[in-house]
Amino acid sequence: MNQFFTVDGAKLATARIEAGMSMEDVSAKIGGNKSSLSRWERGIIHPTERAILKLVVLLNRVDFVKEKEGGNHGE
């Protein structure tokens, strides 16, 4: 499955911190784990679009979401 969006890890970390949430808080609320969130924030791996949507809703912001590079978007 093609994925069109990913996250800017540094901006995700900033959004989480500004929301006053720990990695454990966010992980528990989106049904993930702290290790994956840590790797998303460091840019080592990328979350699924489903996880991105959960993060957007939880953090109430979208500034950490970005278009994935190299996607053909069905063209």
PDB file of N, CA and C in Angstrom:
ATOM      1  N   MET A   1       0.837  -1.178   0.000  1.00  0.00           N
ATOM      2  CA  MET A   1       0.000   0.000   0.000  1.00  0.00           C
ATOM      3  C   MET A   1       0.882   1.240   0.000  1.00  0.00           C
ATOM      4  N   ASN A   2       0.593   2.165  -0.902  1.00  0.00           N
ATOM      5  CA  ASN A   2       1.329   3.419  -0.938  1.00  0.00           C
ATOM      6  C   ASN A   2       0.927   4.294   0.229  1.00  0.00           C
ATOM      7  N   GLN A   3       1.903   4.940   0.788  1.00  0.00           N
ATOM      8  CA  GLN A   3       1.651   5.875   1.891  1.00  0.00           C
ATOM      9  C   GLN A   3       2.051   7.253   1.397  1.00  0.00           C
ATOM     10  N   PHE A   4       1.160   8.213   1.533  1.00  0.00           N
ATOM     11  CA  PHE A   4       1.385   9.543   1.007  1.00  0.00           C
ATOM     12  C   PHE A   4       1.917  10.533   2.033  1.00  0.00           C
ATOM     13  N   PHE A   5       1.750  10.224   3.311  1.00  0.00           N
ATOM     14  CA  PHE A   5       2.162  11.146   4.363  1.00  0.00           C
ATOM     15  C   PHE A   5       3.058  10.463   5.371  1.00  0.00           C
ATOM     16  N   THR A   6       3.903  11.270   6.003  1.00  0.00           N
ATOM     17  CA  THR A   6       4.754  10.815   7.088  1.00  0.00           C
ATOM     18  C   THR A   6       4.833  11.944   8.099  1.00  0.00           C
ATOM     19  N   VAL A   7       5.759  11.879   9.015  1.00  0.00           N
ATOM     20  CA  VAL A   7       5.887  12.938  10.014  1.00  0.00           C
ATOM     21  C   VAL A   7       7.305  13.494  10.034  1.00  0.00           C
ATOM     22  N   ASP A   8       7.414  14.746  10.434  1.00  0.00           N
ATOM     23  CA  ASP A   8       8.702  15.349  10.751  1.00  0.00           C
ATOM     24  C   ASP A   8       8.922  15.020  12.226  1.00  0.00           C
ATOM     25  N   GLY A   9       9.880  14.177  12.508  1.00  0.00           N
ATOM     26  CA  GLY A   9      10.088  13.679  13.859  1.00  0.00           C
ATOM     27  C   GLY A   9      10.339  14.761  14.894  1.00  0.00           C
ATOM     28  N   ALA A  10      11.154  15.753  14.548  1.00  0.00           N
ATOM     29  CA  ALA A  10      11.449  16.831  15.491  1.00  0.00           C
ATOM     30  C   ALA A  10      10.191  17.628  15.811  1.00  0.00           C
ATOM     31  N   LYS A  11       9.373  17.878  14.792  1.00  0.00           N
ATOM     32  CA  LYS A  11       8.130  18.623  15.008  1.00  0.00           C
ATOM     33  C   LYS A  11       7.130  17.792  15.805  1.00  0.00           C
ATOM     34  N   LEU A  12       7.128  16.488  15.594  1.00  0.00           N
ATOM     35  CA  LEU A  12       6.264  15.608  16.377  1.00  0.00           C
ATOM     36  C   LEU A  12       6.665  15.654  17.847  1.00  0.00           C
ATOM     37  N   ALA A  13       7.960  15.579  18.118  1.00  0.00           N
ATOM     38  CA  ALA A  13       8.442  15.644  19.496  1.00  0.00           C
ATOM     39  C   ALA A  13       8.050  16.974  20.137  1.00  0.00           C
ATOM     40  N   THR A  14       8.213  18.068  19.399  1.00  0.00           N
ATOM     41  CA  THR A  14       7.830  19.388  19.914  1.00  0.00           C
ATOM     42  C   THR A  14       6.345  19.444  20.220  1.00  0.00           C
ATOM     43  N   ALA A  15       5.524  18.918  19.321  1.00  0.00           N
ATOM     44  CA  ALA A  15       4.069  18.916  19.528  1.00  0.00           C
ATOM     45  C   ALA A  15       3.705  18.125  20.778  1.00  0.00           C
ATOM     46  N   ARG A  16       4.343  16.982  20.960  1.00  0.00           N
ATOM     47  CA  ARG A  16       4.075  16.146  22.134  1.00  0.00           C
ATOM     48  C   ARG A  16       4.466  16.868  23.411  1.00  0.00           C
ATOM     49  N   ILE A  17       5.640  17.455  23.420  1.00  0.00           N
ATOM     50  CA  ILE A  17       6.135  18.158  24.607  1.00  0.00           C
ATOM     51  C   ILE A  17       5.256  19.371  24.911  1.00  0.00           C
ATOM     52  N   GLU A  18       4.906  20.133  23.880  1.00  0.00           N
ATOM     53  CA  GLU A  18       4.059  21.303  24.086  1.00  0.00           C
ATOM     54  C   GLU A  18       2.668  20.923  24.588  1.00  0.00           C
ATOM     55  N   ALA A  19       2.231  19.711  24.268  1.00  0.00           N
ATOM     56  CA  ALA A  19       0.946  19.216  24.770  1.00  0.00           C
ATOM     57  C   ALA A  19       1.070  18.710  26.208  1.00  0.00           C
ATOM     58  N   GLY A  20       2.301  18.702  26.732  1.00  0.00           N
ATOM     59  CA  GLY A  20       2.524  18.257  28.104  1.00  0.00           C
ATOM     60  C   GLY A  20       2.410  16.754  28.267  1.00  0.00           C
ATOM     61  N   MET A  21       2.709  16.020  27.200  1.00  0.00           N
ATOM     62  CA  MET A  21       2.550  14.567  27.231  1.00  0.00           C
ATOM     63  C   MET A  21       3.895  13.864  27.148  1.00  0.00           C
ATOM     64  N   SER A  22       4.025  12.783  27.884  1.00  0.00           N
ATOM     65  CA  SER A  22       5.223  11.948  27.812  1.00  0.00           C
ATOM     66  C   SER A  22       5.069  10.967  26.650  1.00  0.00           C
ATOM     67  N   MET A  23       6.147  10.309  26.310  1.00  0.00           N
ATOM     68  CA  MET A  23       6.078   9.266  25.274  1.00  0.00           C
ATOM     69  C   MET A  23       5.116   8.166  25.714  1.00  0.00           C
ATOM     70  N   GLU A  24       5.135   7.843  26.999  1.00  0.00           N
ATOM     71  CA  GLU A  24       4.242   6.811  27.522  1.00  0.00           C
ATOM     72  C   GLU A  24       2.781   7.219  27.368  1.00  0.00           C
ATOM     73  N   ASP A  25       2.481   8.506  27.660  1.00  0.00           N
ATOM     74  CA  ASP A  25       1.112   9.012  27.515  1.00  0.00           C
ATOM     75  C   ASP A  25       0.619   8.857  26.079  1.00  0.00           C
ATOM     76  N   VAL A  26       1.419   9.344  25.148  1.00  0.00           N
ATOM     77  CA  VAL A  26       1.021   9.311  23.729  1.00  0.00           C
ATOM     78  C   VAL A  26       0.881   7.871  23.260  1.00  0.00           C
ATOM     79  N   SER A  27       1.847   7.049  23.573  1.00  0.00           N
ATOM     80  CA  SER A  27       1.817   5.648  23.143  1.00  0.00           C
ATOM     81  C   SER A  27       0.564   4.939  23.636  1.00  0.00           C
ATOM     82  N   ALA A  28       0.227   5.150  24.897  1.00  0.00           N
ATOM     83  CA  ALA A  28      -0.950   4.505  25.464  1.00  0.00           C
ATOM     84  C   ALA A  28      -2.232   4.985  24.787  1.00  0.00           C
ATOM     85  N   LYS A  29      -2.311   6.264  24.488  1.00  0.00           N
ATOM     86  CA  LYS A  29      -3.535   6.824  23.913  1.00  0.00           C
ATOM     87  C   LYS A  29      -3.739   6.461  22.448  1.00  0.00           C
ATOM     88  N   ILE A  30      -2.647   6.196  21.728  1.00  0.00           N
ATOM     89  CA  ILE A  30      -2.812   5.824  20.310  1.00  0.00           C
ATOM     90  C   ILE A  30      -2.702   4.321  20.089  1.00  0.00           C
ATOM     91  N   GLY A  31      -2.458   3.581  21.172  1.00  0.00           N
ATOM     92  CA  GLY A  31      -2.375   2.128  21.054  1.00  0.00           C
ATOM     93  C   GLY A  31      -1.063   1.647  20.481  1.00  0.00           C
ATOM     94  N   GLY A  32      -0.013   2.404  20.705  1.00  0.00           N
ATOM     95  CA  GLY A  32       1.306   2.026  20.204  1.00  0.00           C
ATOM     96  C   GLY A  32       2.239   1.705  21.357  1.00  0.00           C
ATOM     97  N   ASN A  33       3.529   1.853  21.092  1.00  0.00           N
ATOM     98  CA  ASN A  33       4.493   1.635  22.165  1.00  0.00           C
ATOM     99  C   ASN A  33       5.540   2.744  22.152  1.00  0.00           C
ATOM    100  N   LYS A  34       6.150   2.958  23.292  1.00  0.00           N
ATOM    101  CA  LYS A  34       7.122   4.040  23.471  1.00  0.00           C
ATOM    102  C   LYS A  34       8.304   3.905  22.511  1.00  0.00           C
ATOM    103  N   SER A  35       8.743   2.692  22.275  1.00  0.00           N
ATOM    104  CA  SER A  35       9.885   2.457  21.394  1.00  0.00           C
ATOM    105  C   SER A  35       9.603   2.947  19.977  1.00  0.00           C
ATOM    106  N   SER A  36       8.427   2.638  19.457  1.00  0.00           N
ATOM    107  CA  SER A  36       8.080   3.090  18.104  1.00  0.00           C
ATOM    108  C   SER A  36       7.983   4.604  18.054  1.00  0.00           C
ATOM    109  N   LEU A  37       7.333   5.206  19.051  1.00  0.00           N
ATOM    110  CA  LEU A  37       7.210   6.662  19.086  1.00  0.00           C
ATOM    111  C   LEU A  37       8.587   7.315  19.116  1.00  0.00           C
ATOM    112  N   SER A  38       9.482   6.770  19.900  1.00  0.00           N
ATOM    113  CA  SER A  38      10.846   7.291  19.967  1.00  0.00           C
ATOM    114  C   SER A  38      11.521   7.234  18.595  1.00  0.00           C
ATOM    115  N   ARG A  39      11.343   6.138  17.888  1.00  0.00           N
ATOM    116  CA  ARG A  39      11.958   5.996  16.562  1.00  0.00           C
ATOM    117  C   ARG A  39      11.291   6.909  15.543  1.00  0.00           C
ATOM    118  N   TRP A  40       9.978   7.167  15.686  1.00  0.00           N
ATOM    119  CA  TRP A  40       9.308   8.130  14.793  1.00  0.00           C
ATOM    120  C   TRP A  40       9.896   9.515  15.012  1.00  0.00           C
ATOM    121  N   GLU A  41      10.050   9.886  16.284  1.00  0.00           N
ATOM    122  CA  GLU A  41      10.564  11.214  16.605  1.00  0.00           C
ATOM    123  C   GLU A  41      12.006  11.397  16.153  1.00  0.00           C
ATOM    124  N   ARG A  42      12.765  10.332  16.099  1.00  0.00           N
ATOM    125  CA  ARG A  42      14.162  10.411  15.647  1.00  0.00           C
ATOM    126  C   ARG A  42      14.299  10.180  14.146  1.00  0.00           C
ATOM    127  N   GLY A  43      13.194   9.891  13.465  1.00  0.00           N
ATOM    128  CA  GLY A  43      13.223   9.713  12.017  1.00  0.00           C
ATOM    129  C   GLY A  43      13.795   8.382  11.560  1.00  0.00           C
ATOM    130  N   ILE A  44      13.866   7.421  12.465  1.00  0.00           N
ATOM    131  CA  ILE A  44      14.431   6.114  12.122  1.00  0.00           C
ATOM    132  C   ILE A  44      13.416   5.276  11.351  1.00  0.00           C
ATOM    133  N   ILE A  45      12.171   5.323  11.800  1.00  0.00           N
ATOM    134  CA  ILE A  45      11.075   4.647  11.099  1.00  0.00           C
ATOM    135  C   ILE A  45       9.923   5.639  10.953  1.00  0.00           C
ATOM    136  N   HIS A  46       8.957   5.294  10.141  1.00  0.00           N
ATOM    137  CA  HIS A  46       7.820   6.174   9.908  1.00  0.00           C
ATOM    138  C   HIS A  46       6.530   5.495  10.355  1.00  0.00           C
ATOM    139  N   PRO A  47       5.639   6.266  10.983  1.00  0.00           N
ATOM    140  CA  PRO A  47       4.362   5.693  11.412  1.00  0.00           C
ATOM    141  C   PRO A  47       3.444   5.430  10.226  1.00  0.00           C
ATOM    142  N   THR A  48       2.490   4.563  10.421  1.00  0.00           N
ATOM    143  CA  THR A  48       1.466   4.341   9.400  1.00  0.00           C
ATOM    144  C   THR A  48       0.582   5.587   9.334  1.00  0.00           C
ATOM    145  N   GLU A  49      -0.157   5.707   8.245  1.00  0.00           N
ATOM    146  CA  GLU A  49      -1.060   6.846   8.133  1.00  0.00           C
ATOM    147  C   GLU A  49      -2.161   6.766   9.188  1.00  0.00           C
ATOM    148  N   ARG A  50      -2.546   5.575   9.575  1.00  0.00           N
ATOM    149  CA  ARG A  50      -3.535   5.410  10.649  1.00  0.00           C
ATOM    150  C   ARG A  50      -2.982   5.981  11.960  1.00  0.00           C
ATOM    151  N   ALA A  51      -1.714   5.689  12.258  1.00  0.00           N
ATOM    152  CA  ALA A  51      -1.085   6.224  13.464  1.00  0.00           C
ATOM    153  C   ALA A  51      -0.947   7.745  13.365  1.00  0.00           C
ATOM    154  N   ILE A  52      -0.633   8.245  12.175  1.00  0.00           N
ATOM    155  CA  ILE A  52      -0.522   9.693  11.978  1.00  0.00           C
ATOM    156  C   ILE A  52      -1.861  10.359  12.281  1.00  0.00           C
ATOM    157  N   LEU A  53      -2.941   9.788  11.804  1.00  0.00           N
ATOM    158  CA  LEU A  53      -4.270  10.339  12.065  1.00  0.00           C
ATOM    159  C   LEU A  53      -4.558  10.364  13.569  1.00  0.00           C
ATOM    160  N   LYS A  54      -4.212   9.291  14.260  1.00  0.00           N
ATOM    161  CA  LYS A  54      -4.419   9.247  15.711  1.00  0.00           C
ATOM    162  C   LYS A  54      -3.594  10.332  16.410  1.00  0.00           C
ATOM    163  N   LEU A  55      -2.366  10.557  15.941  1.00  0.00           N
ATOM    164  CA  LEU A  55      -1.522  11.597  16.522  1.00  0.00           C
ATOM    165  C   LEU A  55      -2.111  12.985  16.291  1.00  0.00           C
ATOM    166  N   VAL A  56      -2.607  13.226  15.088  1.00  0.00           N
ATOM    167  CA  VAL A  56      -3.219  14.519  14.758  1.00  0.00           C
ATOM    168  C   VAL A  56      -4.405  14.791  15.680  1.00  0.00           C
ATOM    169  N   VAL A  57      -5.258  13.805  15.850  1.00  0.00           N
ATOM    170  CA  VAL A  57      -6.438  13.972  16.701  1.00  0.00           C
ATOM    171  C   VAL A  57      -6.008  14.183  18.161  1.00  0.00           C
ATOM    172  N   LEU A  58      -5.084  13.373  18.642  1.00  0.00           N
ATOM    173  CA  LEU A  58      -4.640  13.458  20.031  1.00  0.00           C
ATOM    174  C   LEU A  58      -3.967  14.793  20.332  1.00  0.00           C
ATOM    175  N   LEU A  59      -3.067  15.213  19.453  1.00  0.00           N
ATOM    176  CA  LEU A  59      -2.285  16.430  19.701  1.00  0.00           C
ATOM    177  C   LEU A  59      -2.985  17.695  19.205  1.00  0.00           C
ATOM    178  N   ASN A  60      -4.061  17.505  18.438  1.00  0.00           N
ATOM    179  CA  ASN A  60      -4.878  18.613  17.936  1.00  0.00           C
ATOM    180  C   ASN A  60      -4.066  19.597  17.092  1.00  0.00           C
ATOM    181  N   ARG A  61      -3.213  19.058  16.247  1.00  0.00           N
ATOM    182  CA  ARG A  61      -2.421  19.880  15.336  1.00  0.00           C
ATOM    183  C   ARG A  61      -1.891  19.016  14.200  1.00  0.00           C
ATOM    184  N   VAL A  62      -1.512  19.667  13.109  1.00  0.00           N
ATOM    185  CA  VAL A  62      -1.053  18.930  11.931  1.00  0.00           C
ATOM    186  C   VAL A  62       0.321  19.376  11.441  1.00  0.00           C
ATOM    187  N   ASP A  63       0.941  20.302  12.141  1.00  0.00           N
ATOM    188  CA  ASP A  63       2.190  20.880  11.638  1.00  0.00           C
ATOM    189  C   ASP A  63       3.350  19.891  11.569  1.00  0.00           C
ATOM    190  N   PHE A  64       3.223  18.728  12.176  1.00  0.00           N
ATOM    191  CA  PHE A  64       4.283  17.714  12.115  1.00  0.00           C
ATOM    192  C   PHE A  64       4.091  16.731  10.953  1.00  0.00           C
ATOM    193  N   VAL A  65       2.955  16.831  10.251  1.00  0.00           N
ATOM    194  CA  VAL A  65       2.662  15.935   9.128  1.00  0.00           C
ATOM    195  C   VAL A  65       3.257  16.533   7.860  1.00  0.00           C
ATOM    196  N   LYS A  66       3.865  15.678   7.043  1.00  0.00           N
ATOM    197  CA  LYS A  66       4.416  16.155   5.775  1.00  0.00           C
ATOM    198  C   LYS A  66       4.168  15.125   4.682  1.00  0.00           C
ATOM    199  N   GLU A  67       4.213  15.596   3.464  1.00  0.00           N
ATOM    200  CA  GLU A  67       4.048  14.707   2.318  1.00  0.00           C
ATOM    201  C   GLU A  67       5.286  13.836   2.198  1.00  0.00           C
ATOM    202  N   LYS A  68       5.077  12.562   1.965  1.00  0.00           N
ATOM    203  CA  LYS A  68       6.184  11.635   1.825  1.00  0.00           C
ATOM    204  C   LYS A  68       6.910  11.883   0.508  1.00  0.00           C
ATOM    205  N   GLU A  69       8.203  11.940   0.547  1.00  0.00           N
ATOM    206  CA  GLU A  69       8.991  12.170  -0.659  1.00  0.00           C
ATOM    207  C   GLU A  69       8.968  10.948  -1.564  1.00  0.00           C
ATOM    208  N   GLY A  70       8.927  11.199  -2.853  1.00  0.00           N
ATOM    209  CA  GLY A  70       9.004  10.113  -3.825  1.00  0.00           C
ATOM    210  C   GLY A  70       7.718   9.394  -4.093  1.00  0.00           C
ATOM    211  N   GLY A  71       6.620   9.829  -3.486  1.00  0.00           N
ATOM    212  CA  GLY A  71       5.342   9.190  -3.737  1.00  0.00           C
ATOM    213  C   GLY A  71       4.799   9.627  -5.090  1.00  0.00           C
ATOM    214  N   ASN A  72       4.202   8.688  -5.839  1.00  0.00           N
ATOM    215  CA  ASN A  72       3.683   9.057  -7.151  1.00  0.00           C
ATOM    216  C   ASN A  72       2.226   9.462  -7.084  1.00  0.00           C
ATOM    217  N   HIS A  73       1.580   9.227  -5.952  1.00  0.00           N
ATOM    218  CA  HIS A  73       0.186   9.647  -5.721  1.00  0.00           C
ATOM    219  C   HIS A  73      -0.756   9.194  -6.819  1.00  0.00           C
ATOM    220  N   GLY A  74      -0.516   8.025  -7.366  1.00  0.00           N
ATOM    221  CA  GLY A  74      -1.414   7.456  -8.360  1.00  0.00           C
ATOM    222  C   GLY A  74      -1.254   8.020  -9.746  1.00  0.00           C
ATOM    223  N   GLU A  75      -0.186   8.754  -9.982  1.00  0.00           N
ATOM    224  CA  GLU A  75       0.029   9.363 -11.288  1.00  0.00           C
ATOM    225  C   GLU A  75       0.579   8.365 -12.286  1.00  0.00           C
TER     226      GLU A  75
END
